[in-house]
């Protein structure tokens, strides 16, 4: 990665009259950065437990004037948000009644996790965030969330999720005039339509070895149980692959991103989750196929 200060910085903003804004708040361990979404991987703030009995946690959802590194297909740049944009994001999120929109690792929607408080830090020393030793700068968007979901709460207590990460759609302003912005909006609409048409396509040409790996994982789990291993998404993926079902580009992209777990692939099923979940996602055969397939789809 190049020095962050040497990269182009693009300011993102929200328009009150379009679809831009925050869609959900995700509980994450290692926030991912996905195209068309913003995830604060370099500036995540550790979750603090406000009230263990009431299952309340607090953290920062968005921080203004921070350079946040992104890499899209080898193009490295920074994004940043002004204080005004952070405030708009917080207000539009509430106005849109999306306080129950919560996900796990930007992959799985969860019930029983919802926003209870939302505020903008006005005074660093007097703000509530100071009570929880949060490094909250002026203008930051702070949130508290209640976690009634038993499984998610156990994971929070175990330290599996370390921070909040927002999912949202933002506009870019690079000094364009009104006519330029109008053209860009039309282009973006066309790109969205194209992406949607790609998502409708599905593919089942993954190797037989990927199916066999998923079958092996499912057979072991059927006989021994999943224990604490995997999410519903991972288990669903294993069943799809084992049954030879066609999968979408989005699913293929998630399979490809699972490569980040390959260092745990040799852990025996009986000794942990690494090998079991690696095979549930198709094993090396499935993950490597997904990486190649994703590149092929996008090139087409």
Foldseek 3Di string as FASTA:
>chain_A
DDDQVPFAEWEWADDPPDQWAFQEKEFEAQADDDPQWFWQRPDFWFWFQPDLVQQKIKGFAFAAPDWGWDADPNRIHTYGYHLVRQVVRQVVCVVVVNQQAYYYSVPGTDGQKGWDDKDFAADQVPDPVVVRVTPGDGSIIMTMMHHPDPLVSVCVVVVRTTGMTTTTGTDTCDPDDPVVVVVVVVVVVVVVVVVVVQQPDWDQPQDPLLLVLLVVLVVVCVVVNCPNADDPVLQVLSVCSVVSHTHGLVLLVVLLVCVVLVVLCPPDPVRDHSVSSCSSSRHPSSNVVSVVVNVVSVVD
